[in-house]
Amino acid sequence: MTTYPARPLAPVVLEELRVRDDAGRPLSPFTDEEGGAPLRCCLRRSEPGERIALVSYAPLRRWAAETGAEPGAYDEQGPVFVHAEACAGPDGREEYPFADAHRTVRRYSADGHILGGELVEKLGDDAFRNAFDDPSVALVHVRAVEYGCFLYEVRRPPA
């Protein structure tokens, strides 16, 4: 059976973002009094009292730098929450984090161009199987519907 692992932001990327984000701004941490922010470093919601930061992140640009893709105008950056200091990463309890609301599954080709997307009511294997049934899909972004924010990526499983 094929698995579709959710990929948090990589530790090396987080180290960079905690110095300067993808918009060139320095880290501005704060104490999250309410909790509930979707953390992209450990793929869970923040707890009240945790130190977090909102940083600008360019997910497709980072992927393209790793793969040699040329996303052109599809290169975008947007806000994501991360822990202000290093954390342990995902605890593995949730197969598909942030599945508690409608999500968009946005598909990208190997050259970094958008191939379409799908609004899903429940994230699960079917959503990713449907996306990767198209052989030209190399990467999927899971996004929040309400703001369009990047939540995490899923890459095409090895053949």
C-alpha atoms as a PDB file:
ATOM      1  CA  MET A   1       0.000   0.000   0.000  1.00  0.00           C
ATOM      2  CA  THR A   2       1.304   3.454  -0.926  1.00  0.00           C
ATOM      3  CA  THR A   3       1.824   5.956   1.864  1.00  0.00           C
ATOM      4  CA  TYR A   4       1.733   9.721   1.481  1.00  0.00           C
ATOM      5  CA  PRO A   5       3.758  11.243   4.340  1.00  0.00           C
ATOM      6  CA  ALA A   6       3.112  14.840   5.337  1.00  0.00           C
ATOM      7  CA  ARG A   7       6.413  16.741   5.273  1.00  0.00           C
ATOM      8  CA  PRO A   8       7.027  19.404   7.923  1.00  0.00           C
ATOM      9  CA  LEU A   9       9.488  22.197   7.243  1.00  0.00           C
ATOM     10  CA  ALA A  10      12.976  20.711   7.291  1.00  0.00           C
ATOM     11  CA  PRO A  11      15.201  21.507  10.309  1.00  0.00           C
ATOM     12  CA  VAL A  12      17.776  23.301   8.117  1.00  0.00           C
ATOM     13  CA  VAL A  13      15.003  25.460   6.613  1.00  0.00           C
ATOM     14  CA  LEU A  14      13.661  26.243  10.074  1.00  0.00           C
ATOM     15  CA  GLU A  15      17.134  27.338  11.221  1.00  0.00           C
ATOM     16  CA  GLU A  16      17.278  29.767   8.295  1.00  0.00           C
ATOM     17  CA  LEU A  17      13.739  31.062   8.844  1.00  0.00           C
ATOM     18  CA  ARG A  18      14.500  31.698  12.513  1.00  0.00           C
ATOM     19  CA  VAL A  19      17.276  34.084  11.429  1.00  0.00           C
ATOM     20  CA  ARG A  20      15.621  35.681   8.356  1.00  0.00           C
ATOM     21  CA  ASP A  21      12.432  34.544   6.699  1.00  0.00           C
ATOM     22  CA  ASP A  22      11.923  34.207   2.953  1.00  0.00           C
ATOM     23  CA  ALA A  23      10.911  37.882   2.771  1.00  0.00           C
ATOM     24  CA  GLY A  24      14.176  38.906   4.470  1.00  0.00           C
ATOM     25  CA  ARG A  25      12.638  39.831   7.822  1.00  0.00           C
ATOM     26  CA  PRO A  26      14.223  38.870  11.163  1.00  0.00           C
ATOM     27  CA  LEU A  27      12.390  36.551  13.524  1.00  0.00           C
ATOM     28  CA  SER A  28       9.855  38.272  15.761  1.00  0.00           C
ATOM     29  CA  PRO A  29       8.773  35.667  18.341  1.00  0.00           C
ATOM     30  CA  PHE A  30       5.811  36.083  20.658  1.00  0.00           C
ATOM     31  CA  THR A  31       4.010  34.111  23.325  1.00  0.00           C
ATOM     32  CA  ASP A  32       0.868  32.517  21.934  1.00  0.00           C
ATOM     33  CA  GLU A  33      -1.636  33.272  24.684  1.00  0.00           C
ATOM     34  CA  GLU A  34      -4.588  31.445  23.079  1.00  0.00           C
ATOM     35  CA  GLY A  35      -2.980  28.501  21.285  1.00  0.00           C
ATOM     36  CA  GLY A  36      -4.350  26.907  18.145  1.00  0.00           C
ATOM     37  CA  ALA A  37      -1.873  28.243  15.564  1.00  0.00           C
ATOM     38  CA  PRO A  38      -0.992  25.605  12.922  1.00  0.00           C
ATOM     39  CA  LEU A  39       2.733  24.999  13.424  1.00  0.00           C
ATOM     40  CA  ARG A  40       4.551  23.901  10.258  1.00  0.00           C
ATOM     41  CA  CYS A  41       7.620  22.698  12.155  1.00  0.00           C
ATOM     42  CA  CYS A  42       5.873  19.930  14.076  1.00  0.00           C
ATOM     43  CA  LEU A  43       2.525  19.733  12.212  1.00  0.00           C
ATOM     44  CA  ARG A  44       0.325  20.346  15.219  1.00  0.00           C
ATOM     45  CA  ARG A  45      -1.555  23.254  16.756  1.00  0.00           C
ATOM     46  CA  SER A  46       0.219  25.444  19.266  1.00  0.00           C
ATOM     47  CA  GLU A  47      -0.542  25.238  22.967  1.00  0.00           C
ATOM     48  CA  PRO A  48      -1.312  28.340  25.050  1.00  0.00           C
ATOM     49  CA  GLY A  49       1.910  29.876  26.356  1.00  0.00           C
ATOM     50  CA  GLU A  50       4.234  28.510  23.647  1.00  0.00           C
ATOM     51  CA  ARG A  51       6.760  30.833  21.994  1.00  0.00           C
ATOM     52  CA  ILE A  52       6.051  30.943  18.287  1.00  0.00           C
ATOM     53  CA  ALA A  53       6.672  33.218  15.299  1.00  0.00           C
ATOM     54  CA  LEU A  54       4.873  34.049  12.093  1.00  0.00           C
ATOM     55  CA  VAL A  55       7.370  33.941   9.232  1.00  0.00           C
ATOM     56  CA  SER A  56       7.183  34.332   5.486  1.00  0.00           C
ATOM     57  CA  TYR A  57       7.856  31.037   3.706  1.00  0.00           C
ATOM     58  CA  ALA A  58       8.209  30.254  -0.004  1.00  0.00           C
ATOM     59  CA  PRO A  59       7.411  26.517  -0.243  1.00  0.00           C
ATOM     60  CA  LEU A  60       7.683  26.134  -4.001  1.00  0.00           C
ATOM     61  CA  ARG A  61      10.888  28.196  -4.162  1.00  0.00           C
ATOM     62  CA  ARG A  62      12.482  25.978  -1.515  1.00  0.00           C
ATOM     63  CA  TRP A  63      11.396  22.804  -3.336  1.00  0.00           C
ATOM     64  CA  ALA A  64      12.589  24.207  -6.683  1.00  0.00           C
ATOM     65  CA  ALA A  65      16.023  24.998  -5.265  1.00  0.00           C
ATOM     66  CA  GLU A  66      16.276  21.381  -4.163  1.00  0.00           C
ATOM     67  CA  THR A  67      15.012  19.846  -7.421  1.00  0.00           C
ATOM     68  CA  GLY A  68      16.114  22.314 -10.104  1.00  0.00           C
ATOM     69  CA  ALA A  69      12.536  23.213 -11.064  1.00  0.00           C
ATOM     70  CA  GLU A  70      11.714  26.669 -12.467  1.00  0.00           C
ATOM     71  CA  PRO A  71       8.318  27.657 -11.049  1.00  0.00           C
ATOM     72  CA  GLY A  72       8.395  31.170 -12.517  1.00  0.00           C
ATOM     73  CA  ALA A  73       5.327  33.162 -11.513  1.00  0.00           C
ATOM     74  CA  TYR A  74       4.063  30.257  -9.383  1.00  0.00           C
ATOM     75  CA  ASP A  75       6.796  31.052  -6.862  1.00  0.00           C
ATOM     76  CA  GLU A  76       4.929  32.603  -3.956  1.00  0.00           C
ATOM     77  CA  GLN A  77       5.516  33.229  -0.302  1.00  0.00           C
ATOM     78  CA  GLY A  78       3.112  33.448   2.557  1.00  0.00           C
ATOM     79  CA  PRO A  79       2.794  33.393   6.316  1.00  0.00           C
ATOM     80  CA  VAL A  80       3.382  30.257   8.372  1.00  0.00           C
ATOM     81  CA  PHE A  81       3.662  29.689  12.117  1.00  0.00           C
ATOM     82  CA  VAL A  82       6.708  27.944  13.566  1.00  0.00           C
ATOM     83  CA  HIS A  83       8.112  27.449  17.050  1.00  0.00           C
ATOM     84  CA  ALA A  84      10.463  30.305  17.939  1.00  0.00           C
ATOM     85  CA  GLU A  85      13.108  27.763  18.988  1.00  0.00           C
ATOM     86  CA  ALA A  86      13.931  24.275  17.738  1.00  0.00           C
ATOM     87  CA  CYS A  87      11.307  21.647  18.540  1.00  0.00           C
ATOM     88  CA  ALA A  88      11.135  17.862  18.356  1.00  0.00           C
ATOM     89  CA  GLY A  89       9.166  17.878  15.098  1.00  0.00           C
ATOM     90  CA  PRO A  90       6.007  15.855  14.443  1.00  0.00           C
ATOM     91  CA  ASP A  91       5.078  13.230  17.004  1.00  0.00           C
ATOM     92  CA  GLY A  92       3.530  10.987  14.345  1.00  0.00           C
ATOM     93  CA  ARG A  93       0.139  10.747  16.024  1.00  0.00           C
ATOM     94  CA  GLU A  94      -1.676  12.226  13.060  1.00  0.00           C
ATOM     95  CA  GLU A  95      -1.198  10.680   9.650  1.00  0.00           C
ATOM     96  CA  TYR A  96      -2.660  13.773   7.983  1.00  0.00           C
ATOM     97  CA  PRO A  97      -2.282  16.817  10.231  1.00  0.00           C
ATOM     98  CA  PHE A  98      -4.778  19.673  10.181  1.00  0.00           C
ATOM     99  CA  ALA A  99      -7.455  17.408   8.724  1.00  0.00           C
ATOM    100  CA  ASP A 100     -10.092  19.029  10.926  1.00  0.00           C
ATOM    101  CA  ALA A 101     -11.496  21.263   8.162  1.00  0.00           C
ATOM    102  CA  HIS A 102     -11.925  21.470   4.405  1.00  0.00           C
ATOM    103  CA  ARG A 103      -8.543  21.644   2.693  1.00  0.00           C
ATOM    104  CA  THR A 104      -7.260  22.313  -0.783  1.00  0.00           C
ATOM    105  CA  VAL A 105      -4.911  19.777  -2.336  1.00  0.00           C
ATOM    106  CA  ARG A 106      -2.930  21.763  -4.925  1.00  0.00           C
ATOM    107  CA  ARG A 107      -0.970  19.777  -7.505  1.00  0.00           C
ATOM    108  CA  TYR A 108       2.340  20.806  -9.114  1.00  0.00           C
ATOM    109  CA  SER A 109       4.360  19.422 -12.030  1.00  0.00           C
ATOM    110  CA  ALA A 110       8.076  18.587 -11.861  1.00  0.00           C
ATOM    111  CA  ASP A 111       8.848  22.029 -13.311  1.00  0.00           C
ATOM    112  CA  GLY A 112       6.883  23.719 -10.523  1.00  0.00           C
ATOM    113  CA  HIS A 113       3.745  24.734 -12.408  1.00  0.00           C
ATOM    114  CA  ILE A 114       0.282  24.376 -10.928  1.00  0.00           C
ATOM    115  CA  LEU A 115      -1.691  21.537 -12.482  1.00  0.00           C
ATOM    116  CA  GLY A 116      -4.878  22.157 -10.546  1.00  0.00           C
ATOM    117  CA  GLY A 117      -6.322  21.529  -7.183  1.00  0.00           C
ATOM    118  CA  GLU A 118      -9.149  19.874  -5.357  1.00  0.00           C
ATOM    119  CA  LEU A 119     -11.222  20.926  -2.405  1.00  0.00           C
ATOM    120  CA  VAL A 120     -11.435  17.992  -0.005  1.00  0.00           C
ATOM    121  CA  GLU A 121     -13.730  17.591   2.957  1.00  0.00           C
ATOM    122  CA  LYS A 122     -11.488  15.046   4.660  1.00  0.00           C
ATOM    123  CA  LEU A 123      -7.782  14.572   4.056  1.00  0.00           C
ATOM    124  CA  GLY A 124      -6.825  10.968   3.541  1.00  0.00           C
ATOM    125  CA  ASP A 125      -5.164   8.520   1.200  1.00  0.00           C
ATOM    126  CA  ASP A 126      -7.882   9.029  -1.429  1.00  0.00           C
ATOM    127  CA  ALA A 127      -7.089  12.743  -1.826  1.00  0.00           C
ATOM    128  CA  PHE A 128      -3.413  12.016  -2.465  1.00  0.00           C
ATOM    129  CA  ARG A 129      -4.056   8.928  -4.563  1.00  0.00           C
ATOM    130  CA  ASN A 130      -6.342  11.047  -6.772  1.00  0.00           C
ATOM    131  CA  ALA A 131      -3.662  13.707  -7.117  1.00  0.00           C
ATOM    132  CA  PHE A 132      -0.828  11.294  -7.891  1.00  0.00           C
ATOM    133  CA  ASP A 133      -2.936   9.251 -10.329  1.00  0.00           C
ATOM    134  CA  ASP A 134      -1.882  11.961 -12.781  1.00  0.00           C
ATOM    135  CA  PRO A 135       1.691  10.940 -13.681  1.00  0.00           C
ATOM    136  CA  SER A 136       2.683  14.568 -14.264  1.00  0.00           C
ATOM    137  CA  VAL A 137       2.076  15.468 -10.595  1.00  0.00           C
ATOM    138  CA  ALA A 138       5.352  15.598  -8.666  1.00  0.00           C
ATOM    139  CA  LEU A 139       4.297  17.511  -5.570  1.00  0.00           C
ATOM    140  CA  VAL A 140       1.146  18.357  -3.637  1.00  0.00           C
ATOM    141  CA  HIS A 141       0.590  21.265  -1.283  1.00  0.00           C
ATOM    142  CA  VAL A 142      -2.068  20.982   1.388  1.00  0.00           C
ATOM    143  CA  ARG A 143      -3.536  24.420   1.973  1.00  0.00           C
ATOM    144  CA  ALA A 144      -6.040  26.004   4.304  1.00  0.00           C
ATOM    145  CA  VAL A 145      -9.230  27.018   2.524  1.00  0.00           C
ATOM    146  CA  GLU A 146     -10.022  30.034   4.672  1.00  0.00           C
ATOM    147  CA  TYR A 147      -6.715  31.864   4.050  1.00  0.00           C
ATOM    148  CA  GLY A 148      -5.020  29.776   1.356  1.00  0.00           C
ATOM    149  CA  CYS A 149      -2.003  29.267   3.621  1.00  0.00           C
ATOM    150  CA  PHE A 150       0.461  26.473   2.989  1.00  0.00           C
ATOM    151  CA  LEU A 151       0.172  23.740   5.628  1.00  0.00           C
ATOM    152  CA  TYR A 152       2.547  21.060   4.339  1.00  0.00           C
ATOM    153  CA  GLU A 153       3.701  19.200   1.256  1.00  0.00           C
ATOM    154  CA  VAL A 154       3.420  15.634   0.086  1.00  0.00           C
ATOM    155  CA  ARG A 155       5.832  14.411  -2.572  1.00  0.00           C
ATOM    156  CA  ARG A 156       5.225  11.733  -5.163  1.00  0.00           C
ATOM    157  CA  PRO A 157       6.050   8.386  -3.576  1.00  0.00           C
ATOM    158  CA  PRO A 158       8.921   6.448  -5.152  1.00  0.00           C
ATOM    159  CA  ALA A 159       7.852   4.042  -7.871  1.00  0.00           C
END
